[in-house]
PDB file of N, CA and C in Angstrom:
ATOM      1  N   UNK A   1      -5.412   2.767  14.287  1.00  0.00           N
ATOM      2  CA  UNK A   1      -4.617   2.285  15.408  1.00  0.00           C
ATOM      3  C   UNK A   1      -5.570   1.997  16.564  1.00  0.00           C
ATOM      4  N   UNK A   2      -5.360   0.855  17.161  1.00  0.00           N
ATOM      5  CA  UNK A   2      -6.146   0.518  18.337  1.00  0.00           C
ATOM      6  C   UNK A   2      -5.599   1.272  19.553  1.00  0.00           C
ATOM      7  N   UNK A   3      -6.476   1.471  20.522  1.00  0.00           N
ATOM      8  CA  UNK A   3      -6.047   2.111  21.768  1.00  0.00           C
ATOM      9  C   UNK A   3      -4.984   1.251  22.440  1.00  0.00           C
ATOM     10  N   UNK A   4      -3.946   1.907  22.941  1.00  0.00           N
ATOM     11  CA  UNK A   4      -2.901   1.237  23.703  1.00  0.00           C
ATOM     12  C   UNK A   4      -2.579   2.093  24.923  1.00  0.00           C
ATOM     13  N   UNK A   5      -2.199   1.491  26.027  1.00  0.00           N
ATOM     14  CA  UNK A   5      -1.829   2.285  27.214  1.00  0.00           C
ATOM     15  C   UNK A   5      -0.568   3.122  26.984  1.00  0.00           C
ATOM     16  N   UNK A   6       0.335   2.606  26.151  1.00  0.00           N
ATOM     17  CA  UNK A   6       1.561   3.339  25.835  1.00  0.00           C
ATOM     18  C   UNK A   6       1.869   3.156  24.355  1.00  0.00           C
ATOM     19  N   UNK A   7       2.490   4.174  23.767  1.00  0.00           N
ATOM     20  CA  UNK A   7       2.868   4.135  22.364  1.00  0.00           C
ATOM     21  C   UNK A   7       4.382   4.275  22.265  1.00  0.00           C
ATOM     22  N   UNK A   8       4.944   3.709  21.231  1.00  0.00           N
ATOM     23  CA  UNK A   8       6.398   3.793  21.062  1.00  0.00           C
ATOM     24  C   UNK A   8       6.783   5.126  20.409  1.00  0.00           C
ATOM     25  N   UNK A   9       8.029   5.478  20.584  1.00  0.00           N
ATOM     26  CA  UNK A   9       8.537   6.707  19.980  1.00  0.00           C
ATOM     27  C   UNK A   9       8.420   6.635  18.456  1.00  0.00           C
ATOM     28  N   UNK A  10       8.696   5.478  17.878  1.00  0.00           N
ATOM     29  CA  UNK A  10       8.584   5.307  16.428  1.00  0.00           C
ATOM     30  C   UNK A  10       7.152   5.520  15.944  1.00  0.00           C
ATOM     31  N   UNK A  11       6.182   4.983  16.679  1.00  0.00           N
ATOM     32  CA  UNK A  11       4.778   5.175  16.302  1.00  0.00           C
ATOM     33  C   UNK A  11       4.416   6.653  16.312  1.00  0.00           C
ATOM     34  N   UNK A  12       4.846   7.348  17.338  1.00  0.00           N
ATOM     35  CA  UNK A  12       4.520   8.775  17.465  1.00  0.00           C
ATOM     36  C   UNK A  12       5.209   9.585  16.374  1.00  0.00           C
ATOM     37  N   UNK A  13       6.464   9.286  16.104  1.00  0.00           N
ATOM     38  CA  UNK A  13       7.175  10.017  15.051  1.00  0.00           C
ATOM     39  C   UNK A  13       6.495   9.845  13.700  1.00  0.00           C
ATOM     40  N   UNK A  14       6.033   8.647  13.416  1.00  0.00           N
ATOM     41  CA  UNK A  14       5.334   8.366  12.161  1.00  0.00           C
ATOM     42  C   UNK A  14       4.000   9.117  12.110  1.00  0.00           C
ATOM     43  N   UNK A  15       3.262   9.103  13.218  1.00  0.00           N
ATOM     44  CA  UNK A  15       1.981   9.810  13.302  1.00  0.00           C
ATOM     45  C   UNK A  15       2.173  11.311  13.094  1.00  0.00           C
ATOM     46  N   UNK A  16       3.109  11.892  13.824  1.00  0.00           N
ATOM     47  CA  UNK A  16       3.346  13.335  13.742  1.00  0.00           C
ATOM     48  C   UNK A  16       3.839  13.723  12.342  1.00  0.00           C
ATOM     49  N   UNK A  17       4.696  12.907  11.762  1.00  0.00           N
ATOM     50  CA  UNK A  17       5.194  13.203  10.408  1.00  0.00           C
ATOM     51  C   UNK A  17       4.030  13.230   9.410  1.00  0.00           C
ATOM     52  N   UNK A  18       3.117  12.263   9.524  1.00  0.00           N
ATOM     53  CA  UNK A  18       1.969  12.239   8.612  1.00  0.00           C
ATOM     54  C   UNK A  18       1.098  13.472   8.825  1.00  0.00           C
ATOM     55  N   UNK A  19       0.780  13.758  10.070  1.00  0.00           N
ATOM     56  CA  UNK A  19      -0.091  14.901  10.363  1.00  0.00           C
ATOM     57  C   UNK A  19       0.553  16.204   9.900  1.00  0.00           C
ATOM     58  N   UNK A  20       1.828  16.385  10.199  1.00  0.00           N
ATOM     59  CA  UNK A  20       2.522  17.611   9.793  1.00  0.00           C
ATOM     60  C   UNK A  20       2.550  17.763   8.268  1.00  0.00           C
ATOM     61  N   UNK A  21       2.777  16.670   7.564  1.00  0.00           N
ATOM     62  CA  UNK A  21       2.891  16.749   6.104  1.00  0.00           C
ATOM     63  C   UNK A  21       1.545  16.970   5.410  1.00  0.00           C
ATOM     64  N   UNK A  22       0.446  16.726   6.108  1.00  0.00           N
ATOM     65  CA  UNK A  22      -0.876  16.900   5.522  1.00  0.00           C
ATOM     66  C   UNK A  22      -1.639  18.096   6.085  1.00  0.00           C
ATOM     67  N   UNK A  23      -1.029  18.830   6.998  1.00  0.00           N
ATOM     68  CA  UNK A  23      -1.741  19.891   7.701  1.00  0.00           C
ATOM     69  C   UNK A  23      -2.339  20.935   6.751  1.00  0.00           C
ATOM     70  N   UNK A  24      -1.658  21.222   5.667  1.00  0.00           N
ATOM     71  CA  UNK A  24      -2.175  22.231   4.738  1.00  0.00           C
ATOM     72  C   UNK A  24      -3.397  21.740   3.963  1.00  0.00           C
ATOM     73  N   UNK A  25      -3.707  20.462   4.081  1.00  0.00           N
ATOM     74  CA  UNK A  25      -4.877  19.897   3.391  1.00  0.00           C
ATOM     75  C   UNK A  25      -5.968  19.447   4.359  1.00  0.00           C
ATOM     76  N   UNK A  26      -5.841  19.768   5.635  1.00  0.00           N
ATOM     77  CA  UNK A  26      -6.883  19.414   6.598  1.00  0.00           C
ATOM     78  C   UNK A  26      -8.197  20.078   6.180  1.00  0.00           C
ATOM     79  N   UNK A  27      -9.307  19.355   6.318  1.00  0.00           N
ATOM     80  CA  UNK A  27     -10.608  19.975   6.044  1.00  0.00           C
ATOM     81  C   UNK A  27     -10.963  20.988   7.131  1.00  0.00           C
ATOM     82  N   UNK A  28     -11.981  21.780   6.878  1.00  0.00           N
ATOM     83  CA  UNK A  28     -12.413  22.798   7.835  1.00  0.00           C
ATOM     84  C   UNK A  28     -12.931  22.184   9.127  1.00  0.00           C
ATOM     85  N   UNK A  29     -13.584  21.037   9.007  1.00  0.00           N
ATOM     86  CA  UNK A  29     -14.071  20.337  10.192  1.00  0.00           C
ATOM     87  C   UNK A  29     -14.130  18.849   9.889  1.00  0.00           C
ATOM     88  N   UNK A  30     -14.070  18.040  10.949  1.00  0.00           N
ATOM     89  CA  UNK A  30     -14.127  16.586  10.793  1.00  0.00           C
ATOM     90  C   UNK A  30     -14.927  15.962  11.925  1.00  0.00           C
ATOM     91  N   UNK A  31     -15.446  14.793  11.635  1.00  0.00           N
ATOM     92  CA  UNK A  31     -16.017  13.945  12.674  1.00  0.00           C
ATOM     93  C   UNK A  31     -14.907  12.964  13.042  1.00  0.00           C
ATOM     94  N   UNK A  32     -14.397  13.066  14.251  1.00  0.00           N
ATOM     95  CA  UNK A  32     -13.260  12.256  14.675  1.00  0.00           C
ATOM     96  C   UNK A  32     -13.684  10.814  14.914  1.00  0.00           C
ATOM     97  N   UNK A  33     -14.771  10.641  15.611  1.00  0.00           N
ATOM     98  CA  UNK A  33     -15.344   9.313  15.839  1.00  0.00           C
ATOM     99  C   UNK A  33     -16.841   9.505  16.056  1.00  0.00           C
ATOM    100  N   UNK A  34     -17.514   8.494  16.528  1.00  0.00           N
ATOM    101  CA  UNK A  34     -18.967   8.594  16.713  1.00  0.00           C
ATOM    102  C   UNK A  34     -19.381   9.619  17.757  1.00  0.00           C
ATOM    103  N   UNK A  35     -18.455  10.002  18.617  1.00  0.00           N
ATOM    104  CA  UNK A  35     -18.798  10.890  19.744  1.00  0.00           C
ATOM    105  C   UNK A  35     -18.118  12.250  19.694  1.00  0.00           C
ATOM    106  N   UNK A  36     -17.161  12.443  18.814  1.00  0.00           N
ATOM    107  CA  UNK A  36     -16.434  13.705  18.840  1.00  0.00           C
ATOM    108  C   UNK A  36     -16.131  14.219  17.441  1.00  0.00           C
ATOM    109  N   UNK A  37     -16.031  15.538  17.385  1.00  0.00           N
ATOM    110  CA  UNK A  37     -15.716  16.203  16.131  1.00  0.00           C
ATOM    111  C   UNK A  37     -14.823  17.402  16.421  1.00  0.00           C
ATOM    112  N   UNK A  38     -14.296  17.987  15.372  1.00  0.00           N
ATOM    113  CA  UNK A  38     -13.484  19.191  15.526  1.00  0.00           C
ATOM    114  C   UNK A  38     -13.913  20.191  14.463  1.00  0.00           C
ATOM    115  N   UNK A  39     -14.209  21.384  14.907  1.00  0.00           N
ATOM    116  CA  UNK A  39     -14.580  22.456  13.985  1.00  0.00           C
ATOM    117  C   UNK A  39     -13.333  23.081  13.361  1.00  0.00           C
ATOM    118  N   UNK A  40     -12.159  22.759  13.901  1.00  0.00           N
ATOM    119  CA  UNK A  40     -10.897  23.277  13.373  1.00  0.00           C
ATOM    120  C   UNK A  40      -9.810  22.232  13.643  1.00  0.00           C
ATOM    121  N   UNK A  41      -9.712  21.210  12.793  1.00  0.00           N
ATOM    122  CA  UNK A  41      -8.761  20.125  13.041  1.00  0.00           C
ATOM    123  C   UNK A  41      -7.308  20.574  13.150  1.00  0.00           C
ATOM    124  N   UNK A  42      -6.936  21.586  12.402  1.00  0.00           N
ATOM    125  CA  UNK A  42      -5.558  22.065  12.481  1.00  0.00           C
ATOM    126  C   UNK A  42      -5.258  22.595  13.883  1.00  0.00           C
ATOM    127  N   UNK A  43      -6.144  23.404  14.419  1.00  0.00           N
ATOM    128  CA  UNK A  43      -5.972  23.929  15.769  1.00  0.00           C
ATOM    129  C   UNK A  43      -5.977  22.792  16.792  1.00  0.00           C
ATOM    130  N   UNK A  44      -6.900  21.856  16.643  1.00  0.00           N
ATOM    131  CA  UNK A  44      -6.982  20.730  17.575  1.00  0.00           C
ATOM    132  C   UNK A  44      -5.680  19.942  17.568  1.00  0.00           C
ATOM    133  N   UNK A  45      -5.186  19.637  16.376  1.00  0.00           N
ATOM    134  CA  UNK A  45      -3.928  18.884  16.275  1.00  0.00           C
ATOM    135  C   UNK A  45      -2.762  19.664  16.876  1.00  0.00           C
ATOM    136  N   UNK A  46      -2.634  20.923  16.529  1.00  0.00           N
ATOM    137  CA  UNK A  46      -1.512  21.711  17.067  1.00  0.00           C
ATOM    138  C   UNK A  46      -1.584  21.828  18.586  1.00  0.00           C
ATOM    139  N   UNK A  47      -2.798  21.855  19.122  1.00  0.00           N
ATOM    140  CA  UNK A  47      -2.966  21.908  20.573  1.00  0.00           C
ATOM    141  C   UNK A  47      -2.507  20.617  21.247  1.00  0.00           C
ATOM    142  N   UNK A  48      -2.629  19.503  20.546  1.00  0.00           N
ATOM    143  CA  UNK A  48      -2.262  18.200  21.112  1.00  0.00           C
ATOM    144  C   UNK A  48      -0.853  17.747  20.729  1.00  0.00           C
ATOM    145  N   UNK A  49      -0.241  18.379  19.758  1.00  0.00           N
ATOM    146  CA  UNK A  49       1.037  17.905  19.214  1.00  0.00           C
ATOM    147  C   UNK A  49       2.132  17.787  20.275  1.00  0.00           C
ATOM    148  N   UNK A  50       2.320  18.795  21.084  1.00  0.00           N
ATOM    149  CA  UNK A  50       3.374  18.764  22.112  1.00  0.00           C
ATOM    150  C   UNK A  50       3.111  17.659  23.123  1.00  0.00           C
ATOM    151  N   UNK A  51       1.866  17.512  23.526  1.00  0.00           N
ATOM    152  CA  UNK A  51       1.514  16.454  24.472  1.00  0.00           C
ATOM    153  C   UNK A  51       1.804  15.079  23.874  1.00  0.00           C
ATOM    154  N   UNK A  52       1.424  14.888  22.630  1.00  0.00           N
ATOM    155  CA  UNK A  52       1.632  13.609  21.955  1.00  0.00           C
ATOM    156  C   UNK A  52       3.116  13.274  21.861  1.00  0.00           C
ATOM    157  N   UNK A  53       3.935  14.240  21.525  1.00  0.00           N
ATOM    158  CA  UNK A  53       5.366  13.978  21.343  1.00  0.00           C
ATOM    159  C   UNK A  53       6.132  13.852  22.645  1.00  0.00           C
ATOM    160  N   UNK A  54       5.619  14.418  23.711  1.00  0.00           N
ATOM    161  CA  UNK A  54       6.374  14.386  24.969  1.00  0.00           C
ATOM    162  C   UNK A  54       5.833  13.397  26.004  1.00  0.00           C
ATOM    163  N   UNK A  55       4.602  12.932  25.838  1.00  0.00           N
ATOM    164  CA  UNK A  55       3.986  12.065  26.849  1.00  0.00           C
ATOM    165  C   UNK A  55       3.510  10.729  26.282  1.00  0.00           C
ATOM    166  N   UNK A  56       4.065  10.308  25.170  1.00  0.00           N
ATOM    167  CA  UNK A  56       3.597   9.099  24.486  1.00  0.00           C
ATOM    168  C   UNK A  56       3.731   7.831  25.318  1.00  0.00           C
ATOM    169  N   UNK A  57       4.615   7.821  26.291  1.00  0.00           N
ATOM    170  CA  UNK A  57       4.826   6.606  27.087  1.00  0.00           C
ATOM    171  C   UNK A  57       4.147   6.678  28.458  1.00  0.00           C
ATOM    172  N   UNK A  58       3.216   7.611  28.607  1.00  0.00           N
ATOM    173  CA  UNK A  58       2.509   7.806  29.868  1.00  0.00           C
ATOM    174  C   UNK A  58       1.034   7.455  29.669  1.00  0.00           C
ATOM    175  N   UNK A  59       0.552   6.472  30.382  1.00  0.00           N
ATOM    176  CA  UNK A  59      -0.824   5.990  30.207  1.00  0.00           C
ATOM    177  C   UNK A  59      -1.865   7.092  30.422  1.00  0.00           C
ATOM    178  N   UNK A  60      -1.560   8.080  31.211  1.00  0.00           N
ATOM    179  CA  UNK A  60      -2.498   9.169  31.479  1.00  0.00           C
ATOM    180  C   UNK A  60      -2.891   9.902  30.202  1.00  0.00           C
ATOM    181  N   UNK A  61      -1.997   9.963  29.227  1.00  0.00           N
ATOM    182  CA  UNK A  61      -2.221  10.742  28.012  1.00  0.00           C
ATOM    183  C   UNK A  61      -2.544   9.880  26.790  1.00  0.00           C
ATOM    184  N   UNK A  62      -2.641   8.595  26.962  1.00  0.00           N
ATOM    185  CA  UNK A  62      -2.843   7.709  25.815  1.00  0.00           C
ATOM    186  C   UNK A  62      -4.161   7.961  25.087  1.00  0.00           C
ATOM    187  N   UNK A  63      -5.181   8.403  25.778  1.00  0.00           N
ATOM    188  CA  UNK A  63      -6.456   8.679  25.099  1.00  0.00           C
ATOM    189  C   UNK A  63      -6.330   9.879  24.162  1.00  0.00           C
ATOM    190  N   UNK A  64      -5.495  10.844  24.501  1.00  0.00           N
ATOM    191  CA  UNK A  64      -5.259  11.980  23.613  1.00  0.00           C
ATOM    192  C   UNK A  64      -4.507  11.541  22.361  1.00  0.00           C
ATOM    193  N   UNK A  65      -3.569  10.637  22.544  1.00  0.00           N
ATOM    194  CA  UNK A  65      -2.819  10.112  21.400  1.00  0.00           C
ATOM    195  C   UNK A  65      -3.762   9.340  20.492  1.00  0.00           C
ATOM    196  N   UNK A  66      -4.636   8.541  21.077  1.00  0.00           N
ATOM    197  CA  UNK A  66      -5.620   7.809  20.290  1.00  0.00           C
ATOM    198  C   UNK A  66      -6.508   8.771  19.513  1.00  0.00           C
ATOM    199  N   UNK A  67      -6.849   9.910  20.102  1.00  0.00           N
ATOM    200  CA  UNK A  67      -7.654  10.904  19.406  1.00  0.00           C
ATOM    201  C   UNK A  67      -6.926  11.430  18.169  1.00  0.00           C
ATOM    202  N   UNK A  68      -5.630  11.650  18.285  1.00  0.00           N
ATOM    203  CA  UNK A  68      -4.873  12.126  17.123  1.00  0.00           C
ATOM    204  C   UNK A  68      -4.828  11.041  16.049  1.00  0.00           C
ATOM    205  N   UNK A  69      -4.682   9.797  16.445  1.00  0.00           N
ATOM    206  CA  UNK A  69      -4.761   8.700  15.469  1.00  0.00           C
ATOM    207  C   UNK A  69      -6.133   8.685  14.790  1.00  0.00           C
ATOM    208  N   UNK A  70      -7.183   8.881  15.554  1.00  0.00           N
ATOM    209  CA  UNK A  70      -8.527   8.911  14.976  1.00  0.00           C
ATOM    210  C   UNK A  70      -8.699  10.106  14.039  1.00  0.00           C
ATOM    211  N   UNK A  71      -8.105  11.234  14.407  1.00  0.00           N
ATOM    212  CA  UNK A  71      -8.125  12.394  13.518  1.00  0.00           C
ATOM    213  C   UNK A  71      -7.409  12.067  12.212  1.00  0.00           C
ATOM    214  N   UNK A  72      -6.243  11.457  12.327  1.00  0.00           N
ATOM    215  CA  UNK A  72      -5.481  11.078  11.135  1.00  0.00           C
ATOM    216  C   UNK A  72      -6.326  10.192  10.224  1.00  0.00           C
ATOM    217  N   UNK A  73      -6.966   9.190  10.811  1.00  0.00           N
ATOM    218  CA  UNK A  73      -7.774   8.272  10.020  1.00  0.00           C
ATOM    219  C   UNK A  73      -8.944   8.985   9.337  1.00  0.00           C
ATOM    220  N   UNK A  74      -9.586   9.893  10.059  1.00  0.00           N
ATOM    221  CA  UNK A  74     -10.714  10.636   9.489  1.00  0.00           C
ATOM    222  C   UNK A  74     -10.240  11.549   8.356  1.00  0.00           C
ATOM    223  N   UNK A  75      -9.126  12.204   8.550  1.00  0.00           N
ATOM    224  CA  UNK A  75      -8.584  13.096   7.518  1.00  0.00           C
ATOM    225  C   UNK A  75      -8.136  12.290   6.303  1.00  0.00           C
ATOM    226  N   UNK A  76      -7.461  11.180   6.537  1.00  0.00           N
ATOM    227  CA  UNK A  76      -7.019  10.329   5.427  1.00  0.00           C
ATOM    228  C   UNK A  76      -8.216   9.850   4.611  1.00  0.00           C
ATOM    229  N   UNK A  77      -9.289   9.497   5.283  1.00  0.00           N
ATOM    230  CA  UNK A  77     -10.496   9.035   4.591  1.00  0.00           C
ATOM    231  C   UNK A  77     -11.061  10.138   3.708  1.00  0.00           C
ATOM    232  N   UNK A  78     -11.110  11.354   4.231  1.00  0.00           N
ATOM    233  CA  UNK A  78     -11.618  12.502   3.460  1.00  0.00           C
ATOM    234  C   UNK A  78     -10.721  12.765   2.258  1.00  0.00           C
ATOM    235  N   UNK A  79      -9.413  12.631   2.448  1.00  0.00           N
ATOM    236  CA  UNK A  79      -8.453  12.876   1.362  1.00  0.00           C
ATOM    237  C   UNK A  79      -8.335  11.702   0.397  1.00  0.00           C
ATOM    238  N   UNK A  80      -8.955  10.584   0.755  1.00  0.00           N
ATOM    239  CA  UNK A  80      -8.890   9.408  -0.097  1.00  0.00           C
ATOM    240  C   UNK A  80      -7.552   8.682  -0.034  1.00  0.00           C
ATOM    241  N   UNK A  81      -6.897   8.763   1.105  1.00  0.00           N
ATOM    242  CA  UNK A  81      -5.599   8.121   1.293  1.00  0.00           C
ATOM    243  C   UNK A  81      -5.715   6.967   2.290  1.00  0.00           C
ATOM    244  N   UNK A  82      -4.815   6.020   2.145  1.00  0.00           N
ATOM    245  CA  UNK A  82      -4.735   4.928   3.113  1.00  0.00           C
ATOM    246  C   UNK A  82      -3.541   5.184   4.013  1.00  0.00           C
ATOM    247  N   UNK A  83      -3.672   4.807   5.272  1.00  0.00           N
ATOM    248  CA  UNK A  83      -2.573   4.969   6.226  1.00  0.00           C
ATOM    249  C   UNK A  83      -2.255   3.625   6.856  1.00  0.00           C
ATOM    250  N   UNK A  84      -1.008   3.479   7.256  1.00  0.00           N
ATOM    251  CA  UNK A  84      -0.571   2.275   7.927  1.00  0.00           C
ATOM    252  C   UNK A  84      -0.266   2.602   9.379  1.00  0.00           C
ATOM    253  N   UNK A  85      -0.549   1.653  10.249  1.00  0.00           N
ATOM    254  CA  UNK A  85      -0.204   1.838  11.668  1.00  0.00           C
ATOM    255  C   UNK A  85       1.165   1.274  11.946  1.00  0.00           C
TER     256      UNK A  85
END
């Protein structure tokens, strides 16, 4: 998913559903992008989940939502799955 100033409720629901359904298969650590990583992706996601679901239409929080999308993409790649935006 490309960065957007605001995300729709449908986009967020789809993102959260994917992350929630794969949480038991998250790796121990991931490289989220070229500049960031998580030593505990499950904790990182759970820490951001409430913000993502409640502030998706607020530009102030859009970078956090993009981070969760990047986490999803990194996890999907490790699991060998394809995701749709």
